[in-house]
C-alpha atoms as a PDB file:
ATOM      1  CA  MET A   1       0.166  -0.163   0.526  1.00  0.00           C
ATOM      2  CA  LYS A   2       2.654   2.393   0.769  1.00  0.00           C
ATOM      3  CA  ARG A   3       4.409   1.686  -2.443  1.00  0.00           C
ATOM      4  CA  LEU A   4       1.530   3.048  -4.105  1.00  0.00           C
ATOM      5  CA  ILE A   5       0.611   5.646  -2.485  1.00  0.00           C
ATOM      6  CA  GLY A   6       4.639   6.375  -3.275  1.00  0.00           C
ATOM      7  CA  LEU A   7       3.807   5.820  -6.861  1.00  0.00           C
ATOM      8  CA  LEU A   8       1.178   8.600  -7.123  1.00  0.00           C
ATOM      9  CA  ALA A   9       2.889  10.814  -5.423  1.00  0.00           C
ATOM     10  CA  PHE A  10       5.138  10.895  -7.679  1.00  0.00           C
ATOM     11  CA  ALA A  11       2.554  10.772 -10.582  1.00  0.00           C
ATOM     12  CA  ALA A  12       1.144  13.737  -9.114  1.00  0.00           C
ATOM     13  CA  ILE A  13       4.550  16.032  -8.944  1.00  0.00           C
ATOM     14  CA  LEU A  14       5.334  14.781 -12.507  1.00  0.00           C
ATOM     15  CA  SER A  15       2.513  15.914 -13.652  1.00  0.00           C
ATOM     16  CA  VAL A  16       2.504  19.459 -12.131  1.00  0.00           C
ATOM     17  CA  GLY A  17       5.844  19.793 -13.012  1.00  0.00           C
ATOM     18  CA  MET A  18       5.344  19.331 -16.822  1.00  0.00           C
ATOM     19  CA  ALA A  19       2.342  21.131 -17.207  1.00  0.00           C
ATOM     20  CA  PRO A  20       4.804  24.706 -17.386  1.00  0.00           C
ATOM     21  CA  LEU A  21       6.887  22.946 -20.861  1.00  0.00           C
ATOM     22  CA  THR A  22       3.004  22.847 -22.840  1.00  0.00           C
ATOM     23  CA  TYR A  23       2.800  26.039 -22.613  1.00  0.00           C
ATOM     24  CA  ALA A  24       6.351  26.819 -24.280  1.00  0.00           C
ATOM     25  CA  ALA A  25       5.419  25.520 -28.018  1.00  0.00           C
ATOM     26  CA  GLU A  26       2.493  27.699 -28.213  1.00  0.00           C
ATOM     27  CA  PRO A  27       2.713  30.450 -30.734  1.00  0.00           C
ATOM     28  CA  LEU A  28       2.967  33.769 -29.190  1.00  0.00           C
ATOM     29  CA  ALA A  29       0.657  36.845 -29.530  1.00  0.00           C
ATOM     30  CA  ALA A  30      -0.160  40.107 -27.864  1.00  0.00           C
ATOM     31  CA  PRO A  31      -2.577  40.118 -24.761  1.00  0.00           C
ATOM     32  CA  GLY A  32      -5.940  39.785 -25.592  1.00  0.00           C
ATOM     33  CA  GLU A  33      -4.929  38.789 -29.477  1.00  0.00           C
ATOM     34  CA  MET A  34      -5.605  34.937 -31.178  1.00  0.00           C
ATOM     35  CA  VAL A  35      -3.486  33.177 -32.872  1.00  0.00           C
ATOM     36  CA  ALA A  36      -4.986  31.377 -35.934  1.00  0.00           C
ATOM     37  CA  PRO A  37      -3.957  27.801 -36.478  1.00  0.00           C
ATOM     38  CA  GLY A  38      -1.542  27.514 -39.707  1.00  0.00           C
ATOM     39  CA  SER A  39      -0.972  31.635 -39.594  1.00  0.00           C
ATOM     40  CA  GLN A  40       2.553  32.871 -39.536  1.00  0.00           C
ATOM     41  CA  ALA A  41       4.184  36.432 -37.668  1.00  0.00           C
ATOM     42  CA  ILE A  42       6.115  38.479 -40.255  1.00  0.00           C
ATOM     43  CA  LYS A  43       8.551  41.333 -39.086  1.00  0.00           C
ATOM     44  CA  GLY A  44      10.399  43.701 -41.294  1.00  0.00           C
ATOM     45  CA  ASP A  45       9.859  47.522 -42.560  1.00  0.00           C
ATOM     46  CA  LEU A  46       7.111  47.750 -45.451  1.00  0.00           C
ATOM     47  CA  LEU A  47       8.573  48.097 -48.465  1.00  0.00           C
ATOM     48  CA  ARG A  48       5.630  49.663 -50.565  1.00  0.00           C
ATOM     49  CA  ILE A  49       2.112  49.400 -50.026  1.00  0.00           C
ATOM     50  CA  ASP A  50       0.554  47.915 -54.144  1.00  0.00           C
ATOM     51  CA  GLY A  51      -3.626  48.616 -53.994  1.00  0.00           C
ATOM     52  CA  GLU A  52      -4.607  45.786 -51.637  1.00  0.00           C
ATOM     53  CA  PHE A  53      -0.856  44.345 -50.760  1.00  0.00           C
ATOM     54  CA  PHE A  54       1.703  45.338 -48.658  1.00  0.00           C
ATOM     55  CA  VAL A  55       5.226  44.537 -49.180  1.00  0.00           C
ATOM     56  CA  VAL A  56       6.984  43.757 -46.400  1.00  0.00           C
ATOM     57  CA  LYS A  57      10.514  42.970 -46.399  1.00  0.00           C
ATOM     58  CA  ASP A  58      11.450  40.481 -43.399  1.00  0.00           C
ATOM     59  CA  THR A  59      13.913  40.394 -40.840  1.00  0.00           C
ATOM     60  CA  SER A  60      15.413  37.260 -43.585  1.00  0.00           C
ATOM     61  CA  GLY A  61      15.846  40.012 -45.994  1.00  0.00           C
ATOM     62  CA  LYS A  62      13.396  38.181 -48.058  1.00  0.00           C
ATOM     63  CA  GLU A  63       9.947  40.100 -49.606  1.00  0.00           C
ATOM     64  CA  VAL A  64       6.867  39.171 -48.418  1.00  0.00           C
ATOM     65  CA  ARG A  65       3.528  40.592 -49.786  1.00  0.00           C
ATOM     66  CA  LEU A  66       0.481  40.697 -47.932  1.00  0.00           C
ATOM     67  CA  HIS A  67      -3.149  40.433 -48.925  1.00  0.00           C
ATOM     68  CA  VAL A  68      -4.877  43.337 -47.219  1.00  0.00           C
ATOM     69  CA  ASP A  69      -8.971  43.861 -47.282  1.00  0.00           C
ATOM     70  CA  GLY A  70     -11.428  44.677 -44.569  1.00  0.00           C
ATOM     71  CA  THR A  71     -10.879  41.652 -42.670  1.00  0.00           C
ATOM     72  CA  SER A  72      -7.327  42.280 -41.929  1.00  0.00           C
ATOM     73  CA  LYS A  73      -7.188  44.476 -38.400  1.00  0.00           C
ATOM     74  CA  LEU A  74      -5.193  47.341 -39.091  1.00  0.00           C
ATOM     75  CA  ASP A  75      -3.822  48.805 -35.483  1.00  0.00           C
ATOM     76  CA  GLY A  76      -2.967  52.380 -37.594  1.00  0.00           C
ATOM     77  CA  THR A  77      -2.723  53.960 -40.928  1.00  0.00           C
ATOM     78  CA  PHE A  78       0.748  53.175 -42.781  1.00  0.00           C
ATOM     79  CA  LYS A  79       3.304  54.195 -45.025  1.00  0.00           C
ATOM     80  CA  ALA A  80       6.727  52.654 -46.725  1.00  0.00           C
ATOM     81  CA  GLY A  81       9.505  53.019 -44.375  1.00  0.00           C
ATOM     82  CA  ASP A  82       7.303  51.771 -41.143  1.00  0.00           C
ATOM     83  CA  ARG A  83       8.680  48.790 -38.978  1.00  0.00           C
ATOM     84  CA  ILE A  84       5.578  47.054 -38.697  1.00  0.00           C
ATOM     85  CA  GLU A  85       4.421  43.431 -37.379  1.00  0.00           C
ATOM     86  CA  ALA A  86       1.783  40.887 -38.916  1.00  0.00           C
ATOM     87  CA  GLN A  87      -0.309  37.930 -38.591  1.00  0.00           C
ATOM     88  CA  ALA A  88      -0.251  35.717 -41.515  1.00  0.00           C
ATOM     89  CA  SER A  89      -2.400  33.652 -43.411  1.00  0.00           C
ATOM     90  CA  ASP A  90      -0.473  30.150 -44.849  1.00  0.00           C
ATOM     91  CA  LYS A  91      -1.844  31.728 -48.107  1.00  0.00           C
ATOM     92  CA  GLY A  92      -0.439  35.647 -47.828  1.00  0.00           C
ATOM     93  CA  HIS A  93      -3.809  37.444 -45.992  1.00  0.00           C
ATOM     94  CA  ALA A  94      -3.040  39.433 -43.589  1.00  0.00           C
ATOM     95  CA  LEU A  95      -4.599  38.566 -40.316  1.00  0.00           C
ATOM     96  CA  SER A  96      -3.328  41.828 -37.914  1.00  0.00           C
ATOM     97  CA  ILE A  97      -0.555  44.500 -39.112  1.00  0.00           C
ATOM     98  CA  ARG A  98       0.700  46.661 -35.490  1.00  0.00           C
ATOM     99  CA  PRO A  99       3.777  49.093 -35.372  1.00  0.00           C
ATOM    100  CA  ALA A 100       6.343  47.092 -34.236  1.00  0.00           C
ATOM    101  CA  GLY A 101       7.260  46.634 -30.747  1.00  0.00           C
ATOM    102  CA  ALA A 102       3.342  48.331 -30.395  1.00  0.00           C
ATOM    103  CA  ALA A 103       2.963  44.765 -27.560  1.00  0.00           C
ATOM    104  CA  SER A 104       5.767  45.494 -25.481  1.00  0.00           C
ATOM    105  CA  GLY A 105       6.103  49.236 -25.439  1.00  0.00           C
ATOM    106  CA  MET A 106       9.479  49.466 -27.198  1.00  0.00           C
ATOM    107  CA  PRO A 107       9.564  52.435 -29.740  1.00  0.00           C
ATOM    108  CA  LYS A 108      10.062  51.999 -33.348  1.00  0.00           C
END
């Protein structure tokens, strides 16, 4: 009986210790912002706006075209040269765009 209680106590302690590790694998978002499954975060400089497309040069130097329409959540107005952070679908549709550093309170 003592052995069974000891084994159950060990299992309980192990499961409580492992719980925080499950949160480490979830994507980060701004407080109150939901991250859609299959979305990606893009940070970089807004090069130009071509109609419904924002062309962004990301931190790796790659140009990314984001489709922006009425369903995209824009936190402010943007112009070429702005540093932005965007959440985009795997097909390149902008889900949300905000100035870089807006969520952390850091200046651009």
